[in-house]
Amino acid sequence: MAGNVETDSPEAGQVILRHGAITRITHWSWAVALFFLLLSGLQIFNAHPTLYIGEQSGFEFKNDIFSIRAMQDAQGRVEGVTTIFGAGFDTTGVLGVSGPDTAPSYRAFPAWATLPSYQDLATGRVIHFFFAWIFVVTFFVWLLSSLVNRHLRRDILPSSREIRTIPQSIREHLRFRFRHDGRYNVLQKLSYAGVLLILFPLIILTGLTMSPSMNAAWPWLLDIFGGRQTARTLHFVAMLLLVAFFVIHIVMVIAAGPINELRSILTGRYRVSGEMPGGEFRK
């Protein structure tokens, strides 16, 4: 939400400029990059579908915390098993084993969830690294512009007064009551701050930590994240949290009015339903 603030208060039903060009461009750049990063990342994960805590994967010791495997039961049937902290769950048909019974596919994530759909680690890595750099460049463009135009301080970081309104904002969301005044509420600010200032840097740094060349250049990354295998696990967890954020984000867009919300992030124009707090009009 980049722009100037005018003193004139908008009337209910008035269309204002809510999102500046940089916000809209970086939003859609991230959306495209994250789509390809997710699918190609699952392709890479399929090459070794186990996550560990520590500096290395265990052979003479056990340090795995998550895995997706195709395993044979006592009757000779092959089923998909997802193991989380030692507890196994039958995920046949989705994870581990998928596809028709006549031609089952024995892979962690099914073909429809990976890019490319067939098992090809090399191509998956090329796609992943290409969009990873698009993601990183977009992040630094957003961060620099947000510091310059005060978008970060004004629209992302909540004030102490807004923090005190968290219980009220939770009640409003549970009742699906949304303010259409052109400003982010405190829950939006907290979620966006968590994604932009915690998850994005985390997924970038853990991705760099898994690179041998970066380990040589910046060995302190291994110290920060406790080893390459721990970094890989944190990278995966950050991905899951971003997917969860995306699902909640889409639900909230639909609940708040999809046409108005989509128009604001496509064109910047947003129809307000009342006066903004303090009589401000975001231009």
C-alpha atoms as a PDB file:
ATOM      1  CA  MET A   1       0.000   0.000   0.000  1.00  0.00           C
ATOM      2  CA  ALA A   2       2.243   2.743  -1.255  1.00  0.00           C
ATOM      3  CA  GLY A   3       1.095   6.295  -1.773  1.00  0.00           C
ATOM      4  CA  ASN A   4       0.317   9.619  -0.141  1.00  0.00           C
ATOM      5  CA  VAL A   5      -2.201  10.381   2.586  1.00  0.00           C
ATOM      6  CA  GLU A   6      -4.647  13.212   2.051  1.00  0.00           C
ATOM      7  CA  THR A   7      -6.784  14.904   4.660  1.00  0.00           C
ATOM      8  CA  ASP A   8     -10.045  14.535   2.770  1.00  0.00           C
ATOM      9  CA  SER A   9     -12.097  11.628   4.083  1.00  0.00           C
ATOM     10  CA  PRO A  10     -13.545   9.290   1.461  1.00  0.00           C
ATOM     11  CA  GLU A  11     -17.268   8.867   1.336  1.00  0.00           C
ATOM     12  CA  ALA A  12     -18.834   5.430   1.565  1.00  0.00           C
ATOM     13  CA  GLY A  13     -18.723   3.790  -1.831  1.00  0.00           C
ATOM     14  CA  GLN A  14     -15.883   5.966  -3.085  1.00  0.00           C
ATOM     15  CA  VAL A  15     -13.067   4.276  -5.006  1.00  0.00           C
ATOM     16  CA  ILE A  16      -9.568   5.101  -3.738  1.00  0.00           C
ATOM     17  CA  LEU A  17      -6.061   4.067  -4.770  1.00  0.00           C
ATOM     18  CA  ARG A  18      -5.155   1.462  -2.165  1.00  0.00           C
ATOM     19  CA  HIS A  19      -2.072  -0.291  -3.560  1.00  0.00           C
ATOM     20  CA  GLY A  20       0.828   1.384  -5.340  1.00  0.00           C
ATOM     21  CA  ALA A  21       2.521  -0.070  -8.420  1.00  0.00           C
ATOM     22  CA  ILE A  22       5.472  -1.574  -6.504  1.00  0.00           C
ATOM     23  CA  THR A  23       3.148  -3.394  -4.117  1.00  0.00           C
ATOM     24  CA  ARG A  24       1.096  -4.854  -6.966  1.00  0.00           C
ATOM     25  CA  ILE A  25       4.102  -5.872  -9.068  1.00  0.00           C
ATOM     26  CA  THR A  26       5.944  -7.542  -6.177  1.00  0.00           C
ATOM     27  CA  HIS A  27       2.747  -9.279  -5.023  1.00  0.00           C
ATOM     28  CA  TRP A  28       2.199 -10.989  -8.378  1.00  0.00           C
ATOM     29  CA  SER A  29       5.915 -11.655  -8.889  1.00  0.00           C
ATOM     30  CA  TRP A  30       5.945 -13.518  -5.584  1.00  0.00           C
ATOM     31  CA  ALA A  31       2.736 -15.379  -6.472  1.00  0.00           C
ATOM     32  CA  VAL A  32       4.227 -16.689  -9.730  1.00  0.00           C
ATOM     33  CA  ALA A  33       7.646 -17.430  -8.213  1.00  0.00           C
ATOM     34  CA  LEU A  34       6.205 -19.262  -5.203  1.00  0.00           C
ATOM     35  CA  PHE A  35       3.965 -21.401  -7.428  1.00  0.00           C
ATOM     36  CA  PHE A  36       6.946 -22.704  -9.403  1.00  0.00           C
ATOM     37  CA  LEU A  37       9.138 -22.917  -6.289  1.00  0.00           C
ATOM     38  CA  LEU A  38       6.565 -25.081  -4.514  1.00  0.00           C
ATOM     39  CA  LEU A  39       6.068 -27.578  -7.350  1.00  0.00           C
ATOM     40  CA  SER A  40       9.760 -27.818  -8.232  1.00  0.00           C
ATOM     41  CA  GLY A  41      10.653 -28.007  -4.524  1.00  0.00           C
ATOM     42  CA  LEU A  42       8.404 -31.048  -4.081  1.00  0.00           C
ATOM     43  CA  GLN A  43      10.138 -32.582  -7.114  1.00  0.00           C
ATOM     44  CA  ILE A  44      13.492 -32.066  -5.354  1.00  0.00           C
ATOM     45  CA  PHE A  45      12.129 -33.441  -2.069  1.00  0.00           C
ATOM     46  CA  ASN A  46      11.004 -36.615  -3.847  1.00  0.00           C
ATOM     47  CA  ALA A  47      14.636 -37.428  -4.608  1.00  0.00           C
ATOM     48  CA  HIS A  48      15.175 -38.018  -0.870  1.00  0.00           C
ATOM     49  CA  PRO A  49      11.820 -37.837   0.959  1.00  0.00           C
ATOM     50  CA  THR A  50      13.163 -37.678   4.504  1.00  0.00           C
ATOM     51  CA  LEU A  51      13.907 -34.729   6.785  1.00  0.00           C
ATOM     52  CA  TYR A  52      16.496 -34.701   9.560  1.00  0.00           C
ATOM     53  CA  ILE A  53      17.653 -32.580  12.469  1.00  0.00           C
ATOM     54  CA  GLY A  54      21.419 -32.123  12.666  1.00  0.00           C
ATOM     55  CA  GLU A  55      24.425 -31.579  10.492  1.00  0.00           C
ATOM     56  CA  GLN A  56      23.990 -34.800   8.506  1.00  0.00           C
ATOM     57  CA  SER A  57      21.535 -37.587   7.774  1.00  0.00           C
ATOM     58  CA  GLY A  58      21.902 -40.550  10.090  1.00  0.00           C
ATOM     59  CA  PHE A  59      23.204 -43.953   9.089  1.00  0.00           C
ATOM     60  CA  GLU A  60      24.657 -45.261  12.333  1.00  0.00           C
ATOM     61  CA  PHE A  61      22.279 -43.058  14.311  1.00  0.00           C
ATOM     62  CA  LYS A  62      18.641 -42.005  13.879  1.00  0.00           C
ATOM     63  CA  ASN A  63      17.853 -38.319  13.518  1.00  0.00           C
ATOM     64  CA  ASP A  64      15.005 -38.280  10.984  1.00  0.00           C
ATOM     65  CA  ILE A  65      11.780 -36.553  12.009  1.00  0.00           C
ATOM     66  CA  PHE A  66       9.674 -36.803   8.839  1.00  0.00           C
ATOM     67  CA  SER A  67       9.510 -39.143   5.862  1.00  0.00           C
ATOM     68  CA  ILE A  68       7.171 -40.280   3.108  1.00  0.00           C
ATOM     69  CA  ARG A  69       7.744 -43.810   1.874  1.00  0.00           C
ATOM     70  CA  ALA A  70       6.199 -46.679  -0.075  1.00  0.00           C
ATOM     71  CA  MET A  71       6.377 -49.694   2.232  1.00  0.00           C
ATOM     72  CA  GLN A  72       5.273 -53.313   1.985  1.00  0.00           C
ATOM     73  CA  ASP A  73       2.995 -54.655   4.710  1.00  0.00           C
ATOM     74  CA  ALA A  74       2.831 -58.198   6.101  1.00  0.00           C
ATOM     75  CA  GLN A  75       0.416 -59.285   3.342  1.00  0.00           C
ATOM     76  CA  GLY A  76       2.748 -58.065   0.632  1.00  0.00           C
ATOM     77  CA  ARG A  77       0.690 -54.975  -0.231  1.00  0.00           C
ATOM     78  CA  VAL A  78       2.556 -51.770  -0.933  1.00  0.00           C
ATOM     79  CA  GLU A  79       1.130 -48.730   0.846  1.00  0.00           C
ATOM     80  CA  GLY A  80       2.162 -45.145   1.365  1.00  0.00           C
ATOM     81  CA  VAL A  81       3.364 -44.353   4.871  1.00  0.00           C
ATOM     82  CA  THR A  82       4.065 -40.861   6.193  1.00  0.00           C
ATOM     83  CA  THR A  83       6.108 -40.849   9.394  1.00  0.00           C
ATOM     84  CA  ILE A  84       6.174 -37.823  11.709  1.00  0.00           C
ATOM     85  CA  PHE A  85       8.405 -38.017  14.810  1.00  0.00           C
ATOM     86  CA  GLY A  86       8.251 -41.813  14.701  1.00  0.00           C
ATOM     87  CA  ALA A  87       4.463 -42.085  14.288  1.00  0.00           C
ATOM     88  CA  GLY A  88       3.421 -43.665  10.987  1.00  0.00           C
ATOM     89  CA  PHE A  89       0.241 -42.808   9.075  1.00  0.00           C
ATOM     90  CA  ASP A  90      -1.267 -44.573   6.084  1.00  0.00           C
ATOM     91  CA  THR A  91      -1.381 -42.013   3.267  1.00  0.00           C
ATOM     92  CA  THR A  92      -1.872 -44.410   0.357  1.00  0.00           C
ATOM     93  CA  GLY A  93      -3.447 -42.701  -2.635  1.00  0.00           C
ATOM     94  CA  VAL A  94      -1.984 -39.308  -1.785  1.00  0.00           C
ATOM     95  CA  LEU A  95       1.543 -39.578  -0.356  1.00  0.00           C
ATOM     96  CA  GLY A  96       3.997 -42.430  -0.866  1.00  0.00           C
ATOM     97  CA  VAL A  97       1.790 -44.383  -3.260  1.00  0.00           C
ATOM     98  CA  SER A  98      -0.595 -42.678  -5.668  1.00  0.00           C
ATOM     99  CA  GLY A  99      -2.242 -43.170  -9.019  1.00  0.00           C
ATOM    100  CA  PRO A 100      -4.535 -45.966 -10.259  1.00  0.00           C
ATOM    101  CA  ASP A 101      -4.267 -49.472  -8.794  1.00  0.00           C
ATOM    102  CA  THR A 102      -3.335 -50.828 -12.211  1.00  0.00           C
ATOM    103  CA  ALA A 103      -0.319 -48.517 -12.491  1.00  0.00           C
ATOM    104  CA  PRO A 104       0.582 -47.116  -9.049  1.00  0.00           C
ATOM    105  CA  SER A 105       3.282 -44.495  -8.663  1.00  0.00           C
ATOM    106  CA  TYR A 106       5.730 -45.030  -5.811  1.00  0.00           C
ATOM    107  CA  ARG A 107       6.868 -41.513  -4.938  1.00  0.00           C
ATOM    108  CA  ALA A 108       6.497 -39.172  -1.980  1.00  0.00           C
ATOM    109  CA  PHE A 109       4.418 -36.448  -3.619  1.00  0.00           C
ATOM    110  CA  PRO A 110       2.192 -37.422  -6.565  1.00  0.00           C
ATOM    111  CA  ALA A 111       2.822 -36.375 -10.167  1.00  0.00           C
ATOM    112  CA  TRP A 112       0.177 -33.630 -10.149  1.00  0.00           C
ATOM    113  CA  ALA A 113       1.992 -31.845  -7.283  1.00  0.00           C
ATOM    114  CA  THR A 114       5.482 -31.710  -8.806  1.00  0.00           C
ATOM    115  CA  LEU A 115       7.205 -29.905 -11.646  1.00  0.00           C
ATOM    116  CA  PRO A 116       7.987 -31.633 -13.899  1.00  0.00           C
ATOM    117  CA  SER A 117       5.302 -34.232 -13.254  1.00  0.00           C
ATOM    118  CA  TYR A 118       7.677 -37.130 -13.948  1.00  0.00           C
ATOM    119  CA  GLN A 119      10.665 -37.754 -11.704  1.00  0.00           C
ATOM    120  CA  ASP A 120      13.483 -35.509 -12.966  1.00  0.00           C
ATOM    121  CA  LEU A 121      15.680 -34.020 -10.255  1.00  0.00           C
ATOM    122  CA  ALA A 122      17.925 -32.060 -12.636  1.00  0.00           C
ATOM    123  CA  THR A 123      15.051 -30.209 -14.320  1.00  0.00           C
ATOM    124  CA  GLY A 124      13.399 -29.595 -10.958  1.00  0.00           C
ATOM    125  CA  ARG A 125      16.585 -27.990  -9.636  1.00  0.00           C
ATOM    126  CA  VAL A 126      16.957 -25.750 -12.712  1.00  0.00           C
ATOM    127  CA  ILE A 127      13.365 -24.490 -12.348  1.00  0.00           C
ATOM    128  CA  HIS A 128      13.730 -24.080  -8.584  1.00  0.00           C
ATOM    129  CA  PHE A 129      16.939 -22.056  -8.731  1.00  0.00           C
ATOM    130  CA  PHE A 130      15.650 -19.827 -11.554  1.00  0.00           C
ATOM    131  CA  PHE A 131      12.521 -18.796  -9.665  1.00  0.00           C
ATOM    132  CA  ALA A 132      14.436 -18.634  -6.383  1.00  0.00           C
ATOM    133  CA  TRP A 133      16.496 -15.744  -7.745  1.00  0.00           C
ATOM    134  CA  ILE A 134      13.345 -14.037  -9.025  1.00  0.00           C
ATOM    135  CA  PHE A 135      11.936 -14.421  -5.516  1.00  0.00           C
ATOM    136  CA  VAL A 136      15.074 -12.995  -3.876  1.00  0.00           C
ATOM    137  CA  VAL A 137      15.359 -10.012  -6.241  1.00  0.00           C
ATOM    138  CA  THR A 138      11.650  -9.227  -5.751  1.00  0.00           C
ATOM    139  CA  PHE A 139      12.100  -9.365  -1.988  1.00  0.00           C
ATOM    140  CA  PHE A 140      14.953  -6.843  -2.009  1.00  0.00           C
ATOM    141  CA  VAL A 141      13.051  -4.533  -4.402  1.00  0.00           C
ATOM    142  CA  TRP A 142      10.047  -4.639  -2.063  1.00  0.00           C
ATOM    143  CA  LEU A 143      12.173  -4.130   1.064  1.00  0.00           C
ATOM    144  CA  LEU A 144      14.068  -1.156  -0.351  1.00  0.00           C
ATOM    145  CA  SER A 145      10.959   0.557  -1.721  1.00  0.00           C
ATOM    146  CA  SER A 146       9.038  -0.101   1.522  1.00  0.00           C
ATOM    147  CA  LEU A 147      11.767   1.562   3.559  1.00  0.00           C
ATOM    148  CA  VAL A 148      11.902   4.548   1.211  1.00  0.00           C
ATOM    149  CA  ASN A 149       8.148   5.165   0.930  1.00  0.00           C
ATOM    150  CA  ARG A 150       7.479   4.131   4.571  1.00  0.00           C
ATOM    151  CA  HIS A 151       5.104   1.364   3.450  1.00  0.00           C
ATOM    152  CA  LEU A 152       6.767  -1.015   5.922  1.00  0.00           C
ATOM    153  CA  ARG A 153       6.395   1.268   8.933  1.00  0.00           C
ATOM    154  CA  ARG A 154       2.959   2.619   7.985  1.00  0.00           C
ATOM    155  CA  ASP A 155       1.154  -0.430   6.627  1.00  0.00           C
ATOM    156  CA  ILE A 156       2.952  -3.583   7.831  1.00  0.00           C
ATOM    157  CA  LEU A 157       4.263  -3.033  11.358  1.00  0.00           C
ATOM    158  CA  PRO A 158       1.378  -2.611  13.851  1.00  0.00           C
ATOM    159  CA  SER A 159       1.521   0.146  16.428  1.00  0.00           C
ATOM    160  CA  SER A 160       1.205  -0.486  20.174  1.00  0.00           C
ATOM    161  CA  ARG A 161      -2.338   0.892  20.019  1.00  0.00           C
ATOM    162  CA  GLU A 162      -3.230  -1.577  17.270  1.00  0.00           C
ATOM    163  CA  ILE A 163      -1.698  -4.467  19.235  1.00  0.00           C
ATOM    164  CA  ARG A 164      -4.191  -3.765  22.019  1.00  0.00           C
ATOM    165  CA  THR A 165      -7.065  -4.262  19.572  1.00  0.00           C
ATOM    166  CA  ILE A 166      -6.105  -7.866  18.731  1.00  0.00           C
ATOM    167  CA  PRO A 167      -8.916  -9.483  20.821  1.00  0.00           C
ATOM    168  CA  GLN A 168     -11.504  -7.209  19.198  1.00  0.00           C
ATOM    169  CA  SER A 169     -10.144  -7.921  15.720  1.00  0.00           C
ATOM    170  CA  ILE A 170     -10.269 -11.686  16.372  1.00  0.00           C
ATOM    171  CA  ARG A 171     -13.922 -11.417  17.410  1.00  0.00           C
ATOM    172  CA  GLU A 172     -14.721  -9.436  14.266  1.00  0.00           C
ATOM    173  CA  HIS A 173     -13.038 -12.007  12.037  1.00  0.00           C
ATOM    174  CA  LEU A 174     -14.823 -14.906  13.734  1.00  0.00           C
ATOM    175  CA  ARG A 175     -18.097 -13.130  12.945  1.00  0.00           C
ATOM    176  CA  PHE A 176     -16.906 -12.355   9.381  1.00  0.00           C
ATOM    177  CA  ARG A 177     -17.236  -8.641  10.013  1.00  0.00           C
ATOM    178  CA  PHE A 178     -14.666  -6.739   7.976  1.00  0.00           C
ATOM    179  CA  ARG A 179     -13.879  -3.020   7.772  1.00  0.00           C
ATOM    180  CA  HIS A 180     -13.607  -1.751   4.193  1.00  0.00           C
ATOM    181  CA  ASP A 181     -11.758   1.492   4.872  1.00  0.00           C
ATOM    182  CA  GLY A 182      -8.686   0.858   2.754  1.00  0.00           C
ATOM    183  CA  ARG A 183      -6.329   0.024   5.619  1.00  0.00           C
ATOM    184  CA  TYR A 184      -4.941  -3.263   6.937  1.00  0.00           C
ATOM    185  CA  ASN A 185      -6.346  -4.365  10.285  1.00  0.00           C
ATOM    186  CA  VAL A 186      -4.017  -5.550  13.048  1.00  0.00           C
ATOM    187  CA  LEU A 187      -4.360  -9.260  12.175  1.00  0.00           C
ATOM    188  CA  GLN A 188      -3.498  -8.521   8.553  1.00  0.00           C
ATOM    189  CA  LYS A 189      -0.473  -6.510   9.639  1.00  0.00           C
ATOM    190  CA  LEU A 190       0.743  -9.282  11.938  1.00  0.00           C
ATOM    191  CA  SER A 191       0.300 -11.987   9.309  1.00  0.00           C
ATOM    192  CA  TYR A 192       1.958  -9.927   6.550  1.00  0.00           C
ATOM    193  CA  ALA A 193       4.811  -8.978   8.885  1.00  0.00           C
ATOM    194  CA  GLY A 194       5.286 -12.627   9.791  1.00  0.00           C
ATOM    195  CA  VAL A 195       5.421 -13.656   6.140  1.00  0.00           C
ATOM    196  CA  LEU A 196       7.483 -10.757   4.795  1.00  0.00           C
ATOM    197  CA  LEU A 197       9.902 -10.280   7.681  1.00  0.00           C
ATOM    198  CA  ILE A 198      10.218 -13.817   9.091  1.00  0.00           C
ATOM    199  CA  LEU A 199       9.186 -16.546   6.640  1.00  0.00           C
ATOM    200  CA  PHE A 200      10.614 -14.937   3.496  1.00  0.00           C
ATOM    201  CA  PRO A 201      14.073 -14.287   5.018  1.00  0.00           C
ATOM    202  CA  LEU A 202      13.987 -17.742   6.662  1.00  0.00           C
ATOM    203  CA  ILE A 203      13.248 -19.597   3.444  1.00  0.00           C
ATOM    204  CA  ILE A 204      15.915 -17.591   1.587  1.00  0.00           C
ATOM    205  CA  LEU A 205      18.630 -18.141   4.204  1.00  0.00           C
ATOM    206  CA  THR A 206      17.877 -21.849   4.698  1.00  0.00           C
ATOM    207  CA  GLY A 207      17.928 -22.283   0.926  1.00  0.00           C
ATOM    208  CA  LEU A 208      21.378 -20.668   0.801  1.00  0.00           C
ATOM    209  CA  THR A 209      22.545 -22.853   3.699  1.00  0.00           C
ATOM    210  CA  MET A 210      21.890 -25.994   1.631  1.00  0.00           C
ATOM    211  CA  SER A 211      24.305 -24.777  -1.062  1.00  0.00           C
ATOM    212  CA  PRO A 212      27.900 -26.119  -0.717  1.00  0.00           C
ATOM    213  CA  SER A 213      29.284 -23.005  -2.409  1.00  0.00           C
ATOM    214  CA  MET A 214      27.478 -20.761   0.084  1.00  0.00           C
ATOM    215  CA  ASN A 215      28.766 -22.963   2.926  1.00  0.00           C
ATOM    216  CA  ALA A 216      32.283 -22.159   1.737  1.00  0.00           C
ATOM    217  CA  ALA A 217      31.582 -18.430   1.365  1.00  0.00           C
ATOM    218  CA  TRP A 218      29.369 -17.994   4.437  1.00  0.00           C
ATOM    219  CA  PRO A 219      30.138 -20.851   6.868  1.00  0.00           C
ATOM    220  CA  TRP A 220      28.299 -18.989   9.631  1.00  0.00           C
ATOM    221  CA  LEU A 221      25.012 -20.016   7.995  1.00  0.00           C
ATOM    222  CA  LEU A 222      25.665 -23.611   9.077  1.00  0.00           C
ATOM    223  CA  ASP A 223      26.241 -22.419  12.638  1.00  0.00           C
ATOM    224  CA  ILE A 224      23.033 -20.395  12.676  1.00  0.00           C
ATOM    225  CA  PHE A 225      20.815 -23.212  11.434  1.00  0.00           C
ATOM    226  CA  GLY A 226      22.626 -26.135  13.037  1.00  0.00           C
ATOM    227  CA  GLY A 227      23.757 -27.858   9.869  1.00  0.00           C
ATOM    228  CA  ARG A 228      22.592 -28.412   6.318  1.00  0.00           C
ATOM    229  CA  GLN A 229      20.030 -31.079   7.218  1.00  0.00           C
ATOM    230  CA  THR A 230      18.386 -28.882   9.849  1.00  0.00           C
ATOM    231  CA  ALA A 231      18.302 -26.048   7.312  1.00  0.00           C
ATOM    232  CA  ARG A 232      16.550 -28.379   4.836  1.00  0.00           C
ATOM    233  CA  THR A 233      13.950 -29.247   7.469  1.00  0.00           C
ATOM    234  CA  LEU A 234      13.369 -25.573   8.348  1.00  0.00           C
ATOM    235  CA  HIS A 235      13.100 -24.803   4.626  1.00  0.00           C
ATOM    236  CA  PHE A 236      10.356 -27.430   4.323  1.00  0.00           C
ATOM    237  CA  VAL A 237       8.518 -26.145   7.410  1.00  0.00           C
ATOM    238  CA  ALA A 238       8.637 -22.574   6.085  1.00  0.00           C
ATOM    239  CA  MET A 239       7.121 -23.848   2.837  1.00  0.00           C
ATOM    240  CA  LEU A 240       4.270 -25.504   4.741  1.00  0.00           C
ATOM    241  CA  LEU A 241       3.600 -22.281   6.673  1.00  0.00           C
ATOM    242  CA  LEU A 242       3.533 -20.272   3.432  1.00  0.00           C
ATOM    243  CA  VAL A 243       1.032 -22.736   1.939  1.00  0.00           C
ATOM    244  CA  ALA A 244      -1.118 -22.400   5.078  1.00  0.00           C
ATOM    245  CA  PHE A 245      -0.920 -18.606   4.799  1.00  0.00           C
ATOM    246  CA  PHE A 246      -1.963 -18.787   1.142  1.00  0.00           C
ATOM    247  CA  VAL A 247      -5.043 -20.899   1.973  1.00  0.00           C
ATOM    248  CA  ILE A 248      -6.115 -18.544   4.779  1.00  0.00           C
ATOM    249  CA  HIS A 249      -5.379 -15.532   2.577  1.00  0.00           C
ATOM    250  CA  ILE A 250      -7.654 -16.820  -0.196  1.00  0.00           C
ATOM    251  CA  VAL A 251     -10.431 -17.622   2.300  1.00  0.00           C
ATOM    252  CA  MET A 252     -10.232 -14.104   3.736  1.00  0.00           C
ATOM    253  CA  VAL A 253     -10.259 -12.520   0.264  1.00  0.00           C
ATOM    254  CA  ILE A 254     -13.437 -14.436  -0.579  1.00  0.00           C
ATOM    255  CA  ALA A 255     -15.054 -13.574   2.755  1.00  0.00           C
ATOM    256  CA  ALA A 256     -14.154  -9.873   2.518  1.00  0.00           C
ATOM    257  CA  GLY A 257     -15.433  -9.465  -1.046  1.00  0.00           C
ATOM    258  CA  PRO A 258     -13.339 -11.020  -3.835  1.00  0.00           C
ATOM    259  CA  ILE A 259     -14.171  -8.478  -6.551  1.00  0.00           C
ATOM    260  CA  ASN A 260     -13.137  -5.484  -4.470  1.00  0.00           C
ATOM    261  CA  GLU A 261     -10.043  -7.226  -3.102  1.00  0.00           C
ATOM    262  CA  LEU A 262      -8.867  -8.528  -6.482  1.00  0.00           C
ATOM    263  CA  ARG A 263      -9.455  -5.158  -8.143  1.00  0.00           C
ATOM    264  CA  SER A 264      -7.290  -3.489  -5.506  1.00  0.00           C
ATOM    265  CA  ILE A 265      -4.316  -5.789  -6.063  1.00  0.00           C
ATOM    266  CA  LEU A 266      -4.705  -5.751  -9.865  1.00  0.00           C
ATOM    267  CA  THR A 267      -5.411  -2.058 -10.484  1.00  0.00           C
ATOM    268  CA  GLY A 268      -4.811  -0.515  -7.056  1.00  0.00           C
ATOM    269  CA  ARG A 269      -8.407   0.756  -6.917  1.00  0.00           C
ATOM    270  CA  TYR A 270     -10.466  -0.122  -3.843  1.00  0.00           C
ATOM    271  CA  ARG A 271     -14.060   0.781  -2.950  1.00  0.00           C
ATOM    272  CA  VAL A 272     -14.358   1.897   0.671  1.00  0.00           C
ATOM    273  CA  SER A 273     -17.464   1.398   2.755  1.00  0.00           C
ATOM    274  CA  GLY A 274     -16.822   4.174   5.201  1.00  0.00           C
ATOM    275  CA  GLU A 275     -14.417   6.723   6.637  1.00  0.00           C
ATOM    276  CA  MET A 276     -10.931   5.607   7.610  1.00  0.00           C
ATOM    277  CA  PRO A 277      -9.836   5.951  11.209  1.00  0.00           C
ATOM    278  CA  GLY A 278      -8.678   9.475  11.983  1.00  0.00           C
ATOM    279  CA  GLY A 279     -10.355  10.906   8.915  1.00  0.00           C
ATOM    280  CA  GLU A 280      -7.440   9.919   6.695  1.00  0.00           C
ATOM    281  CA  PHE A 281      -7.786   9.163   3.005  1.00  0.00           C
ATOM    282  CA  ARG A 282      -5.119   6.950   1.543  1.00  0.00           C
ATOM    283  CA  LYS A 283      -4.324   8.101  -1.964  1.00  0.00           C
END
